[in-house]
Amino acid sequence: MLYPLLFPLANQFQAFNLFRYITFRSGGAVVTALLISFIAGPRIIAWLRSKQGDGQPIRTDGPESHLVRKKGTPTMGGVLILLALTVSTLLWADLTNPYVWIVLLVTAGFGLIGFFDDYAKLSRRSHRGLPGRLKLLLEALLAAIACAVLAYIMPPSLAHTVAVPFFKNALLNLHWLFLPFGIFVVTGASNAVNLTDGLDGLAIGPAMIAAGCFGFIAYLVGNAIFANYLQLHHVPGAGELAVFCAAMVGASLGFLWFNAPPASVFMGDTGSLSIGGALGAISIITKHEIVLAIIGGLFVLEAVSVIMQVASFKLTGRRVFRMAPLHHHFEQKGWEEPTIVIRFWIIASILAIAGLSTLKLR
């Protein structure tokens, strides 16, 4: 909104020339999202607490300590993330860019699915929300629409393709398989972040790291000079997603202020599904779907731990972990919650560095 309003006035006011730079607008997006979070956060949390009473229903089959420490904490804090992220993006991004709108709509759509899931849990006073198959169907439908539109608007040489890290100019043309692959990436990322959201601050920290990394990747991929130098696949217009990612970093940082142990609010599915869906969509646009599995490796580990636990129990009757997802396993081993969170953040940082290294190792 600010870009089309102020940049045309650069001839009269030279300072407005700054709005042509994605880096400047990204910085503005971070600060704006952070300020919105700090200003609106206490009011939103107070409103959620007044409406939810006993707060988020706690799993009776989860760690026993959660029944005491987390009882009464409101959920749906993802509303705060979505508010700060959306308003900041609308203010600072170039709204003529179709990629910005696609990612915004995916974020809002997955957030809406998460909202209804959280509402179902609260209304039933149960940790079970929408039926799993229904939720997955809605996510897949939304992801399919987004991927189909992306395949239509992207350059023909990049549509229906997947880039392979570590190889120069390597593109794997999936043809009709691109749609199911895209659905898998977006829904997989969304649910992986959702599974990670089990401890105070655990999911939002790595999500913020991943958003920062993909903001950097989007900026490089969208710049023809940098993309050519690093031998990346240039995606015209993708650089504008750096503003969106910067807004996500600011919104995440602002939410972390209230979600740090002991949390005043949980993001719920409203936040986790929307964040994961956004990261999945951005990875498809920037042609870094495989790199997402590295940068977001912590989310992958959490999801894989659940898959292994369920498969092992159904096939052999034995559990691989004391409890799944993986962070609950370490809780059962006696690790304190802040210890798990900080160590998982360290792992996420290491994986982010490994993912970014693929930009040069080609």
Protein backbone atom coordinates (compact mmCIF):
# COMPACT_ATOMS: atom_id res chain seq x y z
CA MET A 1 0.00 0.00 0.00
CA LEU A 2 2.79 2.43 0.86
CA TYR A 3 4.84 1.42 -2.19
CA PRO A 4 2.34 2.51 -4.90
CA LEU A 5 1.37 5.60 -2.90
CA LEU A 6 4.79 7.00 -2.00
CA PHE A 7 7.28 5.74 -4.59
CA PRO A 8 5.67 7.72 -7.46
CA LEU A 9 6.34 10.85 -5.39
CA ALA A 10 10.10 10.20 -5.38
CA ASN A 11 10.67 12.98 -7.92
CA GLN A 12 9.20 15.54 -5.51
CA PHE A 13 10.51 14.01 -2.28
CA GLN A 14 13.81 12.18 -2.73
CA ALA A 15 13.39 10.28 0.55
CA PHE A 16 10.50 8.33 -1.00
CA ASN A 17 12.99 6.78 -3.42
CA LEU A 18 13.83 4.39 -0.58
CA PHE A 19 10.56 2.60 -1.22
CA ARG A 20 11.93 1.17 -4.45
CA TYR A 21 14.31 -1.02 -2.44
CA ILE A 22 13.06 -4.37 -1.18
CA THR A 23 15.61 -4.26 1.64
CA PHE A 24 14.19 -0.98 3.00
CA ARG A 25 10.61 -2.21 2.80
CA SER A 26 11.61 -5.50 4.43
CA GLY A 27 13.08 -3.59 7.35
CA GLY A 28 9.88 -1.57 7.61
CA ALA A 29 7.83 -4.77 7.55
CA VAL A 30 9.80 -6.26 10.46
CA VAL A 31 9.39 -3.17 12.63
CA THR A 32 5.71 -2.72 11.75
CA ALA A 33 4.81 -6.34 12.52
CA LEU A 34 6.74 -6.15 15.78
CA LEU A 35 4.98 -2.95 16.86
CA ILE A 36 1.56 -4.35 15.98
CA SER A 37 2.32 -7.43 18.07
CA PHE A 38 3.40 -5.39 21.08
CA ILE A 39 0.43 -3.04 20.86
CA ALA A 40 -2.32 -5.52 20.01
CA GLY A 41 -0.90 -8.54 21.87
CA PRO A 42 -2.08 -7.76 25.44
CA ARG A 43 -5.57 -6.82 24.21
CA ILE A 44 -5.95 -9.94 22.05
CA ILE A 45 -4.68 -12.22 24.83
CA ALA A 46 -7.06 -10.62 27.35
CA TRP A 47 -9.95 -11.07 24.91
CA LEU A 48 -9.05 -14.71 24.24
CA ARG A 49 -8.79 -15.39 27.96
CA SER A 50 -12.21 -13.83 28.60
CA LYS A 51 -13.82 -15.94 25.87
CA GLN A 52 -12.09 -19.26 26.54
CA GLY A 53 -12.40 -19.58 30.30
CA ASP A 54 -10.28 -22.63 31.10
CA GLY A 55 -8.10 -22.03 28.04
CA GLN A 56 -6.79 -24.67 25.67
CA PRO A 57 -7.84 -28.24 26.52
CA ILE A 58 -4.75 -30.18 27.63
CA ARG A 59 -4.16 -33.73 26.39
CA THR A 60 -4.72 -36.22 29.20
CA ASP A 61 -2.37 -38.67 27.46
CA GLY A 62 0.42 -36.07 27.30
CA PRO A 63 3.07 -35.24 29.90
CA GLU A 64 1.48 -34.97 33.35
CA SER A 65 3.25 -31.69 34.08
CA HIS A 66 1.26 -29.99 31.31
CA LEU A 67 -1.99 -30.60 33.19
CA VAL A 68 -0.68 -28.34 35.95
CA ARG A 69 1.58 -25.78 34.25
CA LYS A 70 -0.41 -25.12 31.08
CA LYS A 71 -3.98 -25.26 32.36
CA GLY A 72 -5.88 -22.06 31.75
CA THR A 73 -3.58 -20.72 29.03
CA PRO A 74 -5.62 -19.40 26.09
CA THR A 75 -5.06 -20.65 22.57
CA MET A 76 -5.70 -19.16 19.09
CA GLY A 77 -2.75 -16.80 19.56
CA GLY A 78 -2.11 -17.33 15.88
CA VAL A 79 -4.69 -14.57 15.37
CA LEU A 80 -2.06 -12.13 16.63
CA ILE A 81 0.55 -13.54 14.21
CA LEU A 82 -1.85 -13.33 11.27
CA LEU A 83 -2.89 -9.78 12.16
CA ALA A 84 0.67 -8.47 12.41
CA LEU A 85 1.86 -10.43 9.37
CA THR A 86 -1.03 -9.46 7.10
CA VAL A 87 -1.21 -5.76 7.98
CA SER A 88 2.56 -5.36 7.72
CA THR A 89 2.68 -7.13 4.34
CA LEU A 90 -0.19 -5.07 2.96
CA LEU A 91 1.55 -1.88 4.05
CA TRP A 92 5.04 -2.58 2.74
CA ALA A 93 4.79 -5.07 -0.14
CA ASP A 94 4.15 -4.33 -3.79
CA LEU A 95 0.52 -5.43 -4.05
CA THR A 96 0.69 -5.74 -7.83
CA ASN A 97 2.90 -8.80 -7.33
CA PRO A 98 0.81 -12.00 -7.72
CA TYR A 99 3.18 -14.10 -5.58
CA VAL A 100 2.48 -11.89 -2.56
CA TRP A 101 -1.26 -12.44 -2.90
CA ILE A 102 -0.94 -16.19 -3.39
CA VAL A 103 1.17 -16.59 -0.26
CA LEU A 104 -1.12 -14.27 1.71
CA LEU A 105 -4.18 -16.27 0.66
CA VAL A 106 -2.50 -19.59 1.51
CA THR A 107 -1.53 -18.18 4.91
CA ALA A 108 -5.02 -16.88 5.61
CA GLY A 109 -6.67 -20.05 4.29
CA PHE A 110 -4.61 -22.39 6.43
CA GLY A 111 -5.09 -20.03 9.35
CA LEU A 112 -8.86 -20.25 8.87
CA ILE A 113 -8.73 -24.05 8.87
CA GLY A 114 -6.66 -23.90 12.05
CA PHE A 115 -9.12 -21.43 13.60
CA PHE A 116 -12.06 -23.79 13.07
CA ASP A 117 -9.95 -26.66 14.45
CA ASP A 118 -9.11 -24.64 17.58
CA TYR A 119 -12.74 -23.58 17.95
CA ALA A 120 -13.89 -27.19 17.76
CA LYS A 121 -11.45 -28.14 20.52
CA LEU A 122 -12.64 -25.33 22.75
CA SER A 123 -16.34 -25.92 22.17
CA ARG A 124 -16.01 -29.64 22.91
CA ARG A 125 -13.47 -29.12 25.71
CA SER A 126 -11.32 -31.78 24.04
CA HIS A 127 -7.88 -31.84 22.42
CA ARG A 128 -9.56 -33.35 19.34
CA GLY A 129 -10.75 -30.72 16.88
CA LEU A 130 -11.89 -31.17 13.29
CA PRO A 131 -11.82 -34.74 11.97
CA GLY A 132 -8.33 -35.46 10.66
CA ARG A 133 -9.46 -36.48 7.19
CA LEU A 134 -11.63 -33.38 6.79
CA LYS A 135 -8.82 -31.08 7.89
CA LEU A 136 -6.35 -32.77 5.54
CA LEU A 137 -8.85 -32.60 2.66
CA LEU A 138 -9.36 -28.86 3.16
CA GLU A 139 -5.60 -28.28 3.34
CA ALA A 140 -4.99 -30.35 0.20
CA LEU A 141 -7.74 -28.51 -1.70
CA LEU A 142 -6.30 -25.10 -0.78
CA ALA A 143 -2.75 -26.22 -1.62
CA ALA A 144 -3.92 -27.64 -4.97
CA ILE A 145 -5.53 -24.35 -5.97
CA ALA A 146 -2.41 -22.40 -5.00
CA CYS A 147 -0.06 -24.77 -6.86
CA ALA A 148 -2.25 -24.76 -9.97
CA VAL A 149 -2.23 -20.95 -10.06
CA LEU A 150 1.53 -20.87 -9.51
CA ALA A 151 2.12 -23.32 -12.36
CA TYR A 152 0.02 -21.05 -14.59
CA ILE A 153 1.73 -17.72 -13.76
CA MET A 154 5.34 -18.87 -13.39
CA PRO A 155 7.75 -18.75 -16.36
CA PRO A 156 7.18 -21.84 -18.58
CA SER A 157 10.76 -23.02 -18.00
CA LEU A 158 10.12 -23.16 -14.23
CA ALA A 159 6.51 -24.31 -14.08
CA HIS A 160 6.03 -27.96 -13.06
CA THR A 161 9.71 -28.24 -12.08
CA VAL A 162 11.71 -28.88 -8.91
CA ALA A 163 15.26 -27.61 -8.46
CA VAL A 164 17.88 -30.01 -7.14
CA PRO A 165 20.34 -28.53 -4.61
CA PHE A 166 24.11 -28.85 -5.12
CA PHE A 167 23.69 -29.22 -8.91
CA LYS A 168 24.06 -26.31 -11.33
CA ASN A 169 20.92 -25.53 -13.31
CA ALA A 170 19.41 -28.90 -12.42
CA LEU A 171 15.66 -28.89 -12.89
CA LEU A 172 13.50 -31.97 -12.58
CA ASN A 173 10.34 -31.62 -14.67
CA LEU A 174 7.53 -33.38 -12.81
CA HIS A 175 4.86 -32.66 -15.45
CA TRP A 176 1.47 -33.66 -13.98
CA LEU A 177 3.14 -34.90 -10.78
CA PHE A 178 3.95 -31.30 -9.88
CA LEU A 179 0.47 -30.78 -8.44
CA PRO A 180 0.54 -33.70 -5.96
CA PHE A 181 4.14 -32.83 -5.11
CA GLY A 182 3.16 -29.23 -4.36
CA ILE A 183 0.23 -30.40 -2.24
CA PHE A 184 2.60 -32.64 -0.29
CA VAL A 185 5.08 -29.79 0.29
CA VAL A 186 2.50 -27.25 1.48
CA THR A 187 0.38 -29.58 3.61
CA GLY A 188 3.45 -31.42 4.89
CA ALA A 189 5.14 -28.20 6.00
CA SER A 190 1.92 -26.99 7.60
CA ASN A 191 1.34 -30.13 9.65
CA ALA A 192 5.02 -30.50 10.56
CA VAL A 193 4.99 -27.05 12.18
CA ASN A 194 1.72 -27.99 13.87
CA LEU A 195 3.27 -31.13 15.39
CA THR A 196 6.25 -29.12 16.64
CA ASP A 197 4.02 -26.67 18.50
CA GLY A 198 3.92 -28.51 21.83
CA LEU A 199 6.11 -26.48 24.19
CA ASP A 200 6.30 -22.78 24.99
CA GLY A 201 8.28 -21.06 22.24
CA LEU A 202 9.31 -24.32 20.57
CA ALA A 203 7.68 -23.85 17.16
CA ILE A 204 7.82 -20.07 16.78
CA GLY A 205 11.62 -19.88 17.16
CA PRO A 206 12.49 -22.26 14.28
CA ALA A 207 9.64 -20.78 12.23
CA MET A 208 11.20 -17.34 12.62
CA ILE A 209 14.60 -18.73 11.58
CA ALA A 210 13.10 -20.44 8.52
CA ALA A 211 11.22 -17.27 7.54
CA GLY A 212 14.43 -15.24 7.73
CA CYS A 213 16.27 -17.78 5.58
CA PHE A 214 13.57 -17.86 2.93
CA GLY A 215 13.38 -14.09 2.92
CA PHE A 216 17.07 -14.09 2.00
CA ILE A 217 16.56 -16.83 -0.60
CA ALA A 218 13.58 -15.01 -2.14
CA TYR A 219 15.62 -11.82 -2.43
CA LEU A 220 18.49 -13.64 -4.19
CA VAL A 221 16.26 -15.68 -6.49
CA GLY A 222 14.28 -12.60 -7.48
CA ASN A 223 17.42 -10.63 -8.37
CA ALA A 224 18.78 -11.59 -11.80
CA ILE A 225 22.35 -10.52 -10.96
CA PHE A 226 22.60 -12.43 -7.68
CA ALA A 227 20.78 -15.46 -9.10
CA ASN A 228 23.17 -15.61 -12.05
CA TYR A 229 26.23 -15.24 -9.81
CA LEU A 230 25.10 -17.98 -7.43
CA GLN A 231 23.78 -20.10 -10.33
CA LEU A 232 20.27 -20.13 -8.92
CA HIS A 233 17.10 -20.29 -10.97
CA HIS A 234 15.91 -16.73 -11.42
CA VAL A 235 12.21 -16.27 -10.62
CA PRO A 236 11.14 -12.75 -11.68
CA GLY A 237 9.05 -11.11 -8.97
CA ALA A 238 9.93 -13.60 -6.24
CA GLY A 239 12.10 -11.02 -4.48
CA GLU A 240 8.98 -9.27 -3.21
CA LEU A 241 8.37 -12.28 -0.94
CA ALA A 242 11.33 -11.05 1.12
CA VAL A 243 8.96 -8.38 2.45
CA PHE A 244 6.42 -11.04 3.42
CA CYS A 245 9.11 -13.13 5.12
CA ALA A 246 10.38 -10.06 6.97
CA ALA A 247 6.85 -9.39 8.20
CA MET A 248 6.68 -13.01 9.39
CA VAL A 249 9.95 -12.58 11.27
CA GLY A 250 8.59 -9.46 13.00
CA ALA A 251 5.25 -11.11 13.78
CA SER A 252 7.00 -14.22 15.11
CA LEU A 253 9.35 -12.19 17.27
CA GLY A 254 6.42 -10.22 18.65
CA PHE A 255 4.46 -13.40 19.37
CA LEU A 256 7.49 -14.97 21.05
CA TRP A 257 7.39 -12.12 23.58
CA PHE A 258 4.09 -13.55 24.86
CA ASN A 259 4.81 -17.20 24.09
CA ALA A 260 8.15 -17.40 25.92
CA PRO A 261 8.09 -19.78 28.92
CA PRO A 262 5.79 -19.59 30.77
CA ALA A 263 3.54 -18.78 27.83
CA SER A 264 0.72 -16.25 28.18
CA VAL A 265 -0.88 -17.63 25.02
CA PHE A 266 -0.52 -20.58 22.63
CA MET A 267 -0.54 -20.07 18.87
CA GLY A 268 -2.82 -23.06 18.33
CA ASP A 269 -3.53 -24.53 14.91
CA THR A 270 -4.51 -21.02 13.81
CA GLY A 271 -0.85 -20.03 13.90
CA SER A 272 1.04 -23.25 13.24
CA LEU A 273 -0.92 -24.34 10.16
CA SER A 274 -0.72 -20.87 8.59
CA ILE A 275 3.02 -20.49 9.20
CA GLY A 276 3.82 -23.92 7.78
CA GLY A 277 1.57 -23.40 4.77
CA ALA A 278 3.23 -20.06 4.02
CA LEU A 279 6.73 -21.56 4.19
CA GLY A 280 5.69 -24.40 1.89
CA ALA A 281 4.22 -22.02 -0.69
CA ILE A 282 7.30 -19.77 -0.62
CA SER A 283 9.60 -22.75 -1.12
CA ILE A 284 7.65 -23.72 -4.26
CA ILE A 285 7.78 -20.21 -5.70
CA THR A 286 11.52 -19.84 -5.05
CA LYS A 287 12.23 -23.38 -6.34
CA HIS A 288 13.74 -24.41 -3.01
CA GLU A 289 11.31 -27.12 -1.93
CA ILE A 290 14.07 -29.59 -1.06
CA VAL A 291 16.03 -26.91 0.79
CA LEU A 292 12.93 -26.33 2.95
CA ALA A 293 13.35 -29.88 4.24
CA ILE A 294 16.88 -28.91 5.35
CA ILE A 295 16.18 -25.45 6.78
CA GLY A 296 13.01 -26.76 8.40
CA GLY A 297 14.70 -29.99 9.37
CA LEU A 298 13.53 -29.72 12.96
CA PHE A 299 9.91 -29.75 11.78
CA VAL A 300 10.72 -32.78 9.63
CA LEU A 301 12.26 -34.61 12.61
CA GLU A 302 9.16 -33.95 14.71
CA ALA A 303 6.84 -35.20 11.97
CA VAL A 304 8.97 -38.27 11.26
CA SER A 305 9.02 -39.14 14.97
CA VAL A 306 5.21 -39.29 14.97
CA ILE A 307 5.13 -41.39 11.78
CA MET A 308 7.71 -43.82 13.21
CA GLN A 309 5.87 -44.07 16.53
CA VAL A 310 2.50 -44.82 14.93
CA ALA A 311 3.93 -47.26 12.35
CA SER A 312 5.98 -49.13 14.92
CA PHE A 313 3.09 -49.46 17.36
CA LYS A 314 0.68 -50.69 14.68
CA LEU A 315 3.16 -53.17 13.19
CA THR A 316 4.94 -54.48 16.30
CA GLY A 317 2.99 -53.17 19.29
CA ARG A 318 6.13 -51.38 20.49
CA ARG A 319 6.94 -47.69 20.69
CA VAL A 320 10.18 -46.23 19.33
CA PHE A 321 10.00 -43.19 21.64
CA ARG A 322 8.65 -42.78 25.13
CA MET A 323 6.18 -40.31 23.67
CA ALA A 324 5.77 -38.57 20.31
CA PRO A 325 6.33 -35.97 18.92
CA LEU A 326 10.04 -35.97 19.68
CA HIS A 327 10.02 -33.10 22.20
CA HIS A 328 7.70 -35.09 24.47
CA HIS A 329 10.20 -37.96 24.41
CA PHE A 330 12.81 -35.73 26.00
CA GLU A 331 10.27 -34.42 28.50
CA GLN A 332 9.62 -38.00 29.57
CA LYS A 333 13.38 -38.48 29.96
CA GLY A 334 13.42 -35.67 32.53
CA TRP A 335 14.63 -32.71 30.46
CA GLU A 336 13.25 -29.37 31.58
CA GLU A 337 11.04 -27.56 29.07
CA PRO A 338 13.36 -24.52 28.56
CA THR A 339 16.28 -26.91 27.99
CA ILE A 340 14.42 -28.73 25.23
CA VAL A 341 13.28 -25.50 23.59
CA ILE A 342 16.71 -23.85 23.56
CA ARG A 343 18.49 -27.00 22.35
CA PHE A 344 15.94 -27.47 19.58
CA TRP A 345 16.48 -23.83 18.59
CA ILE A 346 20.20 -24.56 18.35
CA ILE A 347 19.48 -27.55 16.10
CA ALA A 348 17.20 -25.39 13.96
CA SER A 349 19.95 -22.76 13.61
CA ILE A 350 22.51 -25.38 12.53
CA LEU A 351 20.09 -26.81 9.96
CA ALA A 352 19.36 -23.30 8.67
CA ILE A 353 23.07 -22.71 8.11
CA ALA A 354 23.30 -26.06 6.31
CA GLY A 355 20.33 -25.13 4.12
CA LEU A 356 21.77 -21.72 3.22
CA SER A 357 25.09 -23.33 2.34
CA THR A 358 23.38 -25.05 -0.59
CA LEU A 359 23.16 -21.62 -2.24
CA LYS A 360 26.90 -21.64 -2.83
CA LEU A 361 27.77 -25.32 -2.96
CA ARG A 362 26.92 -25.93 -6.60
